[in-house]
C-alpha atoms as a PDB file:
ATOM      1  CA  MET A   1      -9.650  13.899   3.931  1.00  0.00           C
ATOM      2  CA  ASN A   2      -8.160  17.071   2.461  1.00  0.00           C
ATOM      3  CA  VAL A   3      -4.387  17.375   2.690  1.00  0.00           C
ATOM      4  CA  PRO A   4      -2.971  20.703   1.484  1.00  0.00           C
ATOM      5  CA  ALA A   5      -0.905  20.274  -1.676  1.00  0.00           C
ATOM      6  CA  SER A   6       2.790  21.001  -1.310  1.00  0.00           C
ATOM      7  CA  SER A   7       4.827  22.641  -4.056  1.00  0.00           C
ATOM      8  CA  LYS A   8       6.560  19.302  -4.666  1.00  0.00           C
ATOM      9  CA  ARG A   9       3.259  17.493  -5.079  1.00  0.00           C
ATOM     10  CA  THR A  10       2.083  20.178  -7.471  1.00  0.00           C
ATOM     11  CA  ALA A  11       5.294  19.807  -9.492  1.00  0.00           C
ATOM     12  CA  LEU A  12       4.990  16.017  -9.499  1.00  0.00           C
ATOM     13  CA  LEU A  13       1.409  16.074 -10.757  1.00  0.00           C
ATOM     14  CA  ALA A  14       2.288  18.680 -13.374  1.00  0.00           C
ATOM     15  CA  ALA A  15       5.161  16.549 -14.656  1.00  0.00           C
ATOM     16  CA  ALA A  16       2.924  13.464 -14.751  1.00  0.00           C
ATOM     17  CA  ARG A  17       0.407  15.300 -16.904  1.00  0.00           C
ATOM     18  CA  GLU A  18       3.126  16.149 -19.407  1.00  0.00           C
ATOM     19  CA  ARG A  19       4.872  12.791 -19.773  1.00  0.00           C
ATOM     20  CA  ILE A  20       5.279   9.274 -18.442  1.00  0.00           C
ATOM     21  CA  LEU A  21       7.490   9.458 -15.359  1.00  0.00           C
ATOM     22  CA  VAL A  22      10.226   6.859 -15.038  1.00  0.00           C
ATOM     23  CA  LEU A  23      10.909   5.072 -11.755  1.00  0.00           C
ATOM     24  CA  ASP A  24      14.431   3.881 -10.997  1.00  0.00           C
ATOM     25  CA  GLY A  25      15.569   0.253 -11.199  1.00  0.00           C
ATOM     26  CA  ALA A  26      16.392  -2.310  -8.540  1.00  0.00           C
ATOM     27  CA  MET A  27      18.513  -1.239  -5.580  1.00  0.00           C
ATOM     28  CA  GLY A  28      19.439  -4.762  -4.484  1.00  0.00           C
ATOM     29  CA  THR A  29      21.264  -5.713  -7.662  1.00  0.00           C
ATOM     30  CA  MET A  30      23.231  -2.475  -7.605  1.00  0.00           C
ATOM     31  CA  ILE A  31      24.296  -3.183  -4.032  1.00  0.00           C
ATOM     32  CA  GLN A  32      25.276  -6.742  -4.930  1.00  0.00           C
ATOM     33  CA  ALA A  33      27.507  -5.385  -7.686  1.00  0.00           C
ATOM     34  CA  LEU A  34      29.532  -3.536  -5.034  1.00  0.00           C
ATOM     35  CA  GLU A  35      30.527  -6.936  -3.575  1.00  0.00           C
ATOM     36  CA  TYR A  36      30.614  -5.656  -0.021  1.00  0.00           C
ATOM     37  CA  ASP A  37      31.936  -8.018   2.629  1.00  0.00           C
ATOM     38  CA  GLU A  38      30.889  -8.254   6.277  1.00  0.00           C
ATOM     39  CA  ALA A  39      33.253  -5.456   7.295  1.00  0.00           C
ATOM     40  CA  ALA A  40      31.745  -3.102   4.712  1.00  0.00           C
ATOM     41  CA  PHE A  41      28.204  -3.795   5.920  1.00  0.00           C
ATOM     42  CA  ARG A  42      29.271  -3.176   9.512  1.00  0.00           C
ATOM     43  CA  GLY A  43      31.198   0.012   8.817  1.00  0.00           C
ATOM     44  CA  GLU A  44      32.847   1.753  11.720  1.00  0.00           C
ATOM     45  CA  ARG A  45      29.580   2.183  13.588  1.00  0.00           C
ATOM     46  CA  TYR A  46      28.899  -1.560  13.902  1.00  0.00           C
ATOM     47  CA  ARG A  47      32.440  -2.872  13.740  1.00  0.00           C
ATOM     48  CA  ASP A  48      32.054  -4.878  16.973  1.00  0.00           C
ATOM     49  CA  PHE A  49      28.361  -5.743  16.656  1.00  0.00           C
ATOM     50  CA  HIS A  50      27.377  -9.171  18.009  1.00  0.00           C
ATOM     51  CA  ARG A  51      25.449 -10.318  14.914  1.00  0.00           C
ATOM     52  CA  ASP A  52      26.439 -10.848  11.289  1.00  0.00           C
ATOM     53  CA  LEU A  53      25.082  -7.941   9.252  1.00  0.00           C
ATOM     54  CA  ARG A  54      26.009  -8.811   5.682  1.00  0.00           C
ATOM     55  CA  GLY A  55      22.879  -8.855   3.560  1.00  0.00           C
ATOM     56  CA  ASN A  56      21.107  -6.132   5.515  1.00  0.00           C
ATOM     57  CA  ASN A  57      21.025  -3.772   2.561  1.00  0.00           C
ATOM     58  CA  ASP A  58      19.074  -1.093   4.399  1.00  0.00           C
ATOM     59  CA  LEU A  59      21.843  -0.801   6.989  1.00  0.00           C
ATOM     60  CA  LEU A  60      24.133   0.570   4.269  1.00  0.00           C
ATOM     61  CA  ILE A  61      22.145   3.793   4.553  1.00  0.00           C
ATOM     62  CA  LEU A  62      24.023   4.330   7.815  1.00  0.00           C
ATOM     63  CA  THR A  63      27.313   2.514   7.190  1.00  0.00           C
ATOM     64  CA  GLN A  64      27.920   3.304   3.490  1.00  0.00           C
ATOM     65  CA  PRO A  65      25.779   6.394   2.853  1.00  0.00           C
ATOM     66  CA  ARG A  66      27.820   7.771  -0.032  1.00  0.00           C
ATOM     67  CA  ALA A  67      27.477   4.521  -1.967  1.00  0.00           C
ATOM     68  CA  ILE A  68      23.698   4.537  -1.568  1.00  0.00           C
ATOM     69  CA  GLU A  69      23.416   8.186  -2.552  1.00  0.00           C
ATOM     70  CA  ASP A  70      25.566   7.555  -5.617  1.00  0.00           C
ATOM     71  CA  ILE A  71      23.325   4.676  -6.719  1.00  0.00           C
ATOM     72  CA  HIS A  72      20.336   7.013  -6.534  1.00  0.00           C
ATOM     73  CA  ALA A  73      22.214   9.690  -8.474  1.00  0.00           C
ATOM     74  CA  ASN A  74      23.303   7.260 -11.185  1.00  0.00           C
ATOM     75  CA  TYR A  75      19.724   6.133 -11.753  1.00  0.00           C
ATOM     76  CA  LEU A  76      18.636   9.757 -12.074  1.00  0.00           C
ATOM     77  CA  ARG A  77      21.425  10.497 -14.529  1.00  0.00           C
ATOM     78  CA  ALA A  78      20.350   7.455 -16.529  1.00  0.00           C
ATOM     79  CA  GLY A  79      16.894   8.971 -16.997  1.00  0.00           C
ATOM     80  CA  ALA A  80      14.819   8.187 -13.912  1.00  0.00           C
ATOM     81  CA  ASP A  81      12.426  10.881 -12.721  1.00  0.00           C
ATOM     82  CA  ILE A  82      11.766   9.181  -9.376  1.00  0.00           C
ATOM     83  CA  VAL A  83      14.117   7.275  -7.062  1.00  0.00           C
ATOM     84  CA  ALA A  84      12.844   4.953  -4.352  1.00  0.00           C
ATOM     85  CA  THR A  85      14.560   5.052  -0.987  1.00  0.00           C
ATOM     86  CA  ASN A  86      16.651   2.085   0.129  1.00  0.00           C
ATOM     87  CA  THR A  87      14.179   1.313   2.910  1.00  0.00           C
ATOM     88  CA  PHE A  88      12.511  -1.884   1.725  1.00  0.00           C
ATOM     89  CA  SER A  89      13.140  -3.641   5.057  1.00  0.00           C
ATOM     90  CA  SER A  90      13.360  -0.649   7.364  1.00  0.00           C
ATOM     91  CA  THR A  91      10.732  -1.650   9.898  1.00  0.00           C
ATOM     92  CA  SER A  92      11.297  -2.666  13.489  1.00  0.00           C
ATOM     93  CA  ILE A  93       9.791  -6.056  12.584  1.00  0.00           C
ATOM     94  CA  ALA A  94      12.182  -6.770   9.718  1.00  0.00           C
ATOM     95  CA  GLN A  95      15.221  -5.337  11.478  1.00  0.00           C
ATOM     96  CA  ALA A  96      14.567  -7.597  14.474  1.00  0.00           C
ATOM     97  CA  ASP A  97      16.246 -10.323  12.400  1.00  0.00           C
ATOM     98  CA  TYR A  98      19.491  -8.413  12.964  1.00  0.00           C
ATOM     99  CA  ASP A  99      18.739  -7.119  16.480  1.00  0.00           C
ATOM    100  CA  LEU A 100      18.469  -3.624  15.005  1.00  0.00           C
ATOM    101  CA  SER A 101      14.800  -2.801  15.580  1.00  0.00           C
ATOM    102  CA  GLY A 102      15.745   0.357  17.432  1.00  0.00           C
ATOM    103  CA  ILE A 103      17.259   2.072  14.396  1.00  0.00           C
ATOM    104  CA  ALA A 104      14.405   1.475  11.934  1.00  0.00           C
ATOM    105  CA  TYR A 105      13.147   5.059  12.207  1.00  0.00           C
ATOM    106  CA  GLN A 106      16.641   6.433  11.630  1.00  0.00           C
ATOM    107  CA  MET A 107      17.062   4.184   8.581  1.00  0.00           C
ATOM    108  CA  ASN A 108      13.947   5.666   6.998  1.00  0.00           C
ATOM    109  CA  LEU A 109      14.896   9.199   7.919  1.00  0.00           C
ATOM    110  CA  GLU A 110      18.422   8.930   6.544  1.00  0.00           C
ATOM    111  CA  GLY A 111      17.331   6.837   3.569  1.00  0.00           C
ATOM    112  CA  ALA A 112      14.972   9.572   2.420  1.00  0.00           C
ATOM    113  CA  ARG A 113      17.618  12.206   3.062  1.00  0.00           C
ATOM    114  CA  LEU A 114      20.144  10.389   0.853  1.00  0.00           C
ATOM    115  CA  ALA A 115      17.643  10.076  -1.983  1.00  0.00           C
ATOM    116  CA  ARG A 116      16.712  13.742  -1.582  1.00  0.00           C
ATOM    117  CA  ASN A 117      20.404  14.709  -1.720  1.00  0.00           C
ATOM    118  CA  ALA A 118      20.870  12.704  -4.907  1.00  0.00           C
ATOM    119  CA  ALA A 119      17.822  14.325  -6.485  1.00  0.00           C
ATOM    120  CA  ALA A 120      19.120  17.787  -5.619  1.00  0.00           C
ATOM    121  CA  ARG A 121      22.595  16.969  -6.983  1.00  0.00           C
ATOM    122  CA  VAL A 122      21.328  15.763 -10.350  1.00  0.00           C
ATOM    123  CA  THR A 123      18.713  18.491 -10.700  1.00  0.00           C
ATOM    124  CA  ALA A 124      21.503  21.026 -10.150  1.00  0.00           C
ATOM    125  CA  GLU A 125      23.377  19.457 -13.059  1.00  0.00           C
ATOM    126  CA  ASP A 126      20.630  19.660 -15.677  1.00  0.00           C
ATOM    127  CA  GLY A 127      17.735  21.632 -14.172  1.00  0.00           C
ATOM    128  CA  LYS A 128      15.221  18.776 -14.549  1.00  0.00           C
ATOM    129  CA  PRO A 129      13.004  18.212 -11.498  1.00  0.00           C
ATOM    130  CA  ARG A 130      13.443  14.861  -9.731  1.00  0.00           C
ATOM    131  CA  PHE A 131      11.307  13.207  -7.078  1.00  0.00           C
ATOM    132  CA  VAL A 132      11.755  10.822  -4.155  1.00  0.00           C
ATOM    133  CA  ALA A 133       9.498   7.890  -3.293  1.00  0.00           C
ATOM    134  CA  GLY A 134       9.624   6.530   0.236  1.00  0.00           C
ATOM    135  CA  ALA A 135       9.801   2.761  -0.308  1.00  0.00           C
ATOM    136  CA  ILE A 136       7.594   0.622   1.934  1.00  0.00           C
ATOM    137  CA  GLY A 137       8.170  -3.099   1.586  1.00  0.00           C
ATOM    138  CA  PRO A 138       6.468  -5.912   3.497  1.00  0.00           C
ATOM    139  CA  THR A 139       7.410  -7.059   6.955  1.00  0.00           C
ATOM    140  CA  THR A 140       9.336 -10.313   7.290  1.00  0.00           C
ATOM    141  CA  ALA A 141       6.435 -11.906   9.189  1.00  0.00           C
ATOM    142  CA  PRO A 142       2.987 -11.695   7.604  1.00  0.00           C
ATOM    143  CA  PRO A 143       0.282 -10.413   9.940  1.00  0.00           C
ATOM    144  CA  ARG A 144      -2.477 -12.853  10.787  1.00  0.00           C
ATOM    145  CA  SER A 145      -6.002 -12.956  12.067  1.00  0.00           C
ATOM    146  CA  ARG A 146      -5.262 -16.287  13.772  1.00  0.00           C
ATOM    147  CA  PRO A 147      -2.398 -18.845  13.702  1.00  0.00           C
ATOM    148  CA  THR A 148      -2.386 -21.255  10.761  1.00  0.00           C
ATOM    149  CA  SER A 149      -0.105 -24.005   9.533  1.00  0.00           C
ATOM    150  CA  ARG A 150       1.550 -21.478   7.188  1.00  0.00           C
ATOM    151  CA  ILE A 151       1.667 -18.457   9.506  1.00  0.00           C
ATOM    152  CA  PRO A 152       3.343 -18.989  12.893  1.00  0.00           C
ATOM    153  CA  ALA A 153       1.810 -17.867  16.157  1.00  0.00           C
ATOM    154  CA  SER A 154       4.782 -15.521  16.599  1.00  0.00           C
ATOM    155  CA  ALA A 155       3.669 -13.430  13.618  1.00  0.00           C
ATOM    156  CA  PRO A 156       2.069 -10.032  14.352  1.00  0.00           C
ATOM    157  CA  SER A 157      -1.504 -10.730  15.386  1.00  0.00           C
ATOM    158  CA  THR A 158      -3.322  -8.103  13.306  1.00  0.00           C
ATOM    159  CA  SER A 159      -2.756  -5.747  10.419  1.00  0.00           C
ATOM    160  CA  THR A 160      -3.061  -2.789  12.807  1.00  0.00           C
ATOM    161  CA  THR A 161      -0.166  -4.217  14.838  1.00  0.00           C
ATOM    162  CA  CYS A 162       1.920  -4.086  11.669  1.00  0.00           C
ATOM    163  CA  ALA A 163       0.601  -0.596  10.960  1.00  0.00           C
ATOM    164  CA  ARG A 164       2.580   0.933  13.829  1.00  0.00           C
ATOM    165  CA  PRO A 165       6.028   0.246  12.327  1.00  0.00           C
ATOM    166  CA  MET A 166       4.631   1.079   8.885  1.00  0.00           C
ATOM    167  CA  ALA A 167       3.479   4.439  10.236  1.00  0.00           C
ATOM    168  CA  SER A 168       6.879   5.080  11.765  1.00  0.00           C
ATOM    169  CA  ARG A 169       8.686   4.522   8.483  1.00  0.00           C
ATOM    170  CA  SER A 170       6.134   6.572   6.530  1.00  0.00           C
ATOM    171  CA  THR A 171       6.505   9.485   8.929  1.00  0.00           C
ATOM    172  CA  ALA A 172      10.297   9.346   8.770  1.00  0.00           C
ATOM    173  CA  CYS A 173      10.375   9.271   4.970  1.00  0.00           C
ATOM    174  CA  SER A 174       7.924  12.150   4.724  1.00  0.00           C
ATOM    175  CA  THR A 175       9.800  14.188   7.311  1.00  0.00           C
ATOM    176  CA  ALA A 176      13.067  13.783   5.410  1.00  0.00           C
ATOM    177  CA  GLY A 177      11.576  14.958   2.137  1.00  0.00           C
ATOM    178  CA  ALA A 178       9.954  12.051   0.291  1.00  0.00           C
ATOM    179  CA  ASP A 179       7.465  13.344  -2.270  1.00  0.00           C
ATOM    180  CA  LEU A 180       5.334  10.214  -2.338  1.00  0.00           C
ATOM    181  CA  LEU A 181       5.138   6.824  -0.628  1.00  0.00           C
ATOM    182  CA  LEU A 182       5.587   3.616  -2.625  1.00  0.00           C
ATOM    183  CA  LEU A 183       4.150   0.302  -1.467  1.00  0.00           C
ATOM    184  CA  GLU A 184       6.274  -2.324  -3.169  1.00  0.00           C
ATOM    185  CA  THR A 185       6.451  -6.106  -3.385  1.00  0.00           C
ATOM    186  CA  ILE A 186       3.692  -6.576  -0.834  1.00  0.00           C
ATOM    187  CA  PHE A 187       3.184 -10.324  -0.729  1.00  0.00           C
ATOM    188  CA  ASP A 188      -0.135 -10.488   1.065  1.00  0.00           C
ATOM    189  CA  THR A 189      -3.198  -8.334   1.450  1.00  0.00           C
ATOM    190  CA  LEU A 190      -2.844  -7.859   5.222  1.00  0.00           C
ATOM    191  CA  ASN A 191       0.604  -6.301   4.754  1.00  0.00           C
ATOM    192  CA  ALA A 192      -0.855  -3.977   2.141  1.00  0.00           C
ATOM    193  CA  LYS A 193      -3.788  -3.166   4.428  1.00  0.00           C
ATOM    194  CA  ALA A 194      -1.407  -2.321   7.283  1.00  0.00           C
ATOM    195  CA  ALA A 195       0.631   0.009   5.087  1.00  0.00           C
ATOM    196  CA  LEU A 196      -2.401   1.765   3.624  1.00  0.00           C
ATOM    197  CA  TYR A 197      -3.952   2.125   7.066  1.00  0.00           C
ATOM    198  CA  ALA A 198      -0.743   3.693   8.385  1.00  0.00           C
ATOM    199  CA  ILE A 199      -0.515   6.128   5.485  1.00  0.00           C
ATOM    200  CA  SER A 200      -4.152   7.168   5.849  1.00  0.00           C
ATOM    201  CA  GLU A 201      -3.658   7.791   9.579  1.00  0.00           C
ATOM    202  CA  ILE A 202      -0.645  10.025   8.905  1.00  0.00           C
ATOM    203  CA  ALA A 203      -2.472  11.921   6.161  1.00  0.00           C
ATOM    204  CA  GLU A 204      -5.477  12.481   8.403  1.00  0.00           C
ATOM    205  CA  ALA A 205      -3.281  13.713  11.245  1.00  0.00           C
ATOM    206  CA  ARG A 206      -1.537  16.178   8.954  1.00  0.00           C
ATOM    207  CA  ALA A 207      -4.812  17.374   7.532  1.00  0.00           C
ATOM    208  CA  SER A 208      -6.091  18.004  11.052  1.00  0.00           C
ATOM    209  CA  THR A 209      -3.095  20.175  11.936  1.00  0.00           C
ATOM    210  CA  CYS A 210      -3.681  22.306   8.857  1.00  0.00           C
ATOM    211  CA  ARG A 211      -7.358  22.998   9.440  1.00  0.00           C
END
């Protein structure tokens, strides 16, 4: 497949040829340091929500956006060239644990936008180009070919079933300005296969529209 190179991709590859690019550090530990309580995770938007939401770090994209953007900015100021979006668990499958499957796309969209804002802020301060990686973590239920003693029958039945929410998050991150997609902490090969399949489908679709 041939996907036309964007100016950002060209800049990213040029920077990588010149030096080793530094990826940011962990988002989770930075969030833990904020010591947010249940009310902070809920924010005004989910103040009366029927489920406990503390621990849903991705939700902070929507309820505490400034804090997330500032974490990105601080990593960039500390020397990172690339920041990963706070979207590790932003799939409909993972967010089902909180009854929030319906906002997974918005999480990815806004998560990429916050990282993009932080990159623009810090680049404006020192003129150094910064880049955004759309973070794609595993689902909370590993896909399966068939039920086993370790994988419940309720798990997604195939890697292509998992690919649909993976594709949704990849599209949202790309739409909001992510320069690359980062598969991280994938704990089994079927999760990785689903993510790679989704990314290849999106790339092929975009290549087709540009022909």
